[in-house]
Amino acid sequence: MGGLKVRGAAGTHPGLEERTDSGQGSGGGEWIVTVYDNDHNTFEEVILVLMVATGCSLREAQIETWEIHHLGKSVVHHASKEECDRVASVISTIGIRVEVTQE
């Protein structure tokens, strides 16, 4: 099975503010963002983009990245369609496949 490449251990990312909320928009949680595994992005790239896009903690981003790699995909965000579209747009900037769907 292919998957995300590991290029060293994930650590903290200077300049990245960690939010204490879930990053989920207040306008309805009827939509989800799913991220799919690939052979091109490193764990560290995916962890960082998840933190930036969703405002999640380092630990949550690590868990979601593990799921993406080992399960082939992970739901990384629940929110309104507009918020999910925004999150997916940010995540897709690293070339990873992202899908926004209704729950």
Protein backbone atom coordinates (compact mmCIF):
# COMPACT_ATOMS: atom_id res chain seq x y z
CA MET A 1 0.00 0.00 0.00
CA GLY A 2 1.35 3.42 -0.93
CA GLY A 3 0.80 6.39 1.21
CA LEU A 4 2.11 9.54 2.74
CA LYS A 5 5.88 9.66 2.98
CA VAL A 6 7.55 10.32 6.31
CA ARG A 7 10.33 12.88 6.32
CA GLY A 8 11.27 13.05 9.98
CA ALA A 9 9.11 13.31 13.07
CA ALA A 10 6.38 15.89 13.25
CA GLY A 11 6.95 18.62 15.77
CA THR A 12 5.72 22.05 16.53
CA HIS A 13 5.58 24.58 13.75
CA PRO A 14 6.90 28.05 14.65
CA GLY A 15 4.51 30.85 13.88
CA LEU A 16 1.46 28.60 13.76
CA GLU A 17 -1.11 29.61 16.31
CA GLU A 18 -3.00 26.76 17.91
CA ARG A 19 -6.67 27.44 18.46
CA THR A 20 -8.52 26.00 21.43
CA ASP A 21 -11.86 25.65 19.64
CA SER A 22 -12.58 22.93 17.11
CA GLY A 23 -12.37 25.31 14.17
CA GLN A 24 -15.85 24.25 13.17
CA GLY A 25 -17.97 27.10 11.87
CA SER A 26 -21.04 27.98 13.86
CA GLY A 27 -23.30 27.75 10.82
CA GLY A 28 -24.54 24.16 10.76
CA GLY A 29 -22.47 21.00 10.69
CA GLU A 30 -24.26 19.29 7.83
CA TRP A 31 -21.17 19.16 5.59
CA ILE A 32 -17.85 17.32 5.92
CA VAL A 33 -14.36 17.57 4.47
CA THR A 34 -12.70 14.25 3.63
CA VAL A 35 -8.98 14.03 2.81
CA TYR A 36 -7.61 11.06 0.84
CA ASP A 37 -4.23 9.36 0.97
CA ASN A 38 -1.62 9.78 -1.75
CA ASP A 39 2.02 8.90 -2.42
CA HIS A 40 3.24 12.47 -2.72
CA ASN A 41 2.70 14.42 0.48
CA THR A 42 4.69 13.89 3.65
CA PHE A 43 3.11 13.43 7.08
CA GLU A 44 4.52 16.79 8.09
CA GLU A 45 2.98 18.59 5.09
CA VAL A 46 -0.44 17.12 5.80
CA ILE A 47 -0.27 17.82 9.54
CA LEU A 48 0.66 21.44 8.91
CA VAL A 49 -2.03 22.08 6.30
CA LEU A 50 -4.71 20.50 8.52
CA MET A 51 -3.71 22.76 11.40
CA VAL A 52 -3.74 25.85 9.18
CA ALA A 53 -6.98 24.98 7.40
CA THR A 54 -9.06 23.79 10.37
CA GLY A 55 -7.39 25.39 13.38
CA CYS A 56 -7.09 21.99 15.04
CA SER A 57 -4.40 21.06 17.54
CA LEU A 58 -1.15 19.34 16.58
CA ARG A 59 -2.40 16.14 18.21
CA GLU A 60 -5.68 16.15 16.25
CA ALA A 61 -3.84 16.79 12.99
CA GLN A 62 -1.46 13.91 13.77
CA ILE A 63 -4.38 11.54 14.42
CA GLU A 64 -6.18 12.58 11.23
CA THR A 65 -2.98 12.19 9.21
CA TRP A 66 -2.50 8.70 10.66
CA GLU A 67 -6.08 7.85 9.59
CA ILE A 68 -5.47 9.23 6.09
CA HIS A 69 -2.35 7.10 5.71
CA HIS A 70 -3.60 3.88 7.30
CA LEU A 71 -7.31 3.96 6.38
CA GLY A 72 -7.01 5.71 3.01
CA LYS A 73 -9.05 8.73 4.08
CA SER A 74 -10.22 10.77 7.06
CA VAL A 75 -13.05 13.20 7.76
CA VAL A 76 -11.13 16.22 9.01
CA HIS A 77 -13.85 18.85 9.42
CA HIS A 78 -17.61 19.25 10.03
CA ALA A 79 -19.22 22.63 9.37
CA SER A 80 -21.39 24.66 7.00
CA LYS A 81 -20.86 24.21 3.27
CA GLU A 82 -19.13 27.59 3.01
CA GLU A 83 -16.70 26.76 5.83
CA CYS A 84 -16.02 23.28 4.43
CA ASP A 85 -15.35 24.77 0.99
CA ARG A 86 -12.88 27.21 2.56
CA VAL A 87 -11.12 24.42 4.49
CA ALA A 88 -10.97 22.17 1.41
CA SER A 89 -9.54 24.99 -0.66
CA VAL A 90 -6.68 25.48 1.80
CA ILE A 91 -5.95 21.75 2.10
CA SER A 92 -5.96 21.27 -1.68
CA THR A 93 -3.10 23.78 -2.07
CA ILE A 94 -0.63 20.96 -1.29
CA GLY A 95 -2.04 18.77 -4.08
CA ILE A 96 -3.86 16.27 -1.90
CA ARG A 97 -7.35 15.07 -2.88
CA VAL A 98 -10.10 16.68 -0.81
CA GLU A 99 -13.86 16.23 -1.02
CA VAL A 100 -16.69 18.29 0.48
CA THR A 101 -19.94 16.34 0.90
CA GLN A 102 -23.16 16.54 2.82
CA GLU A 103 -23.39 14.22 5.84
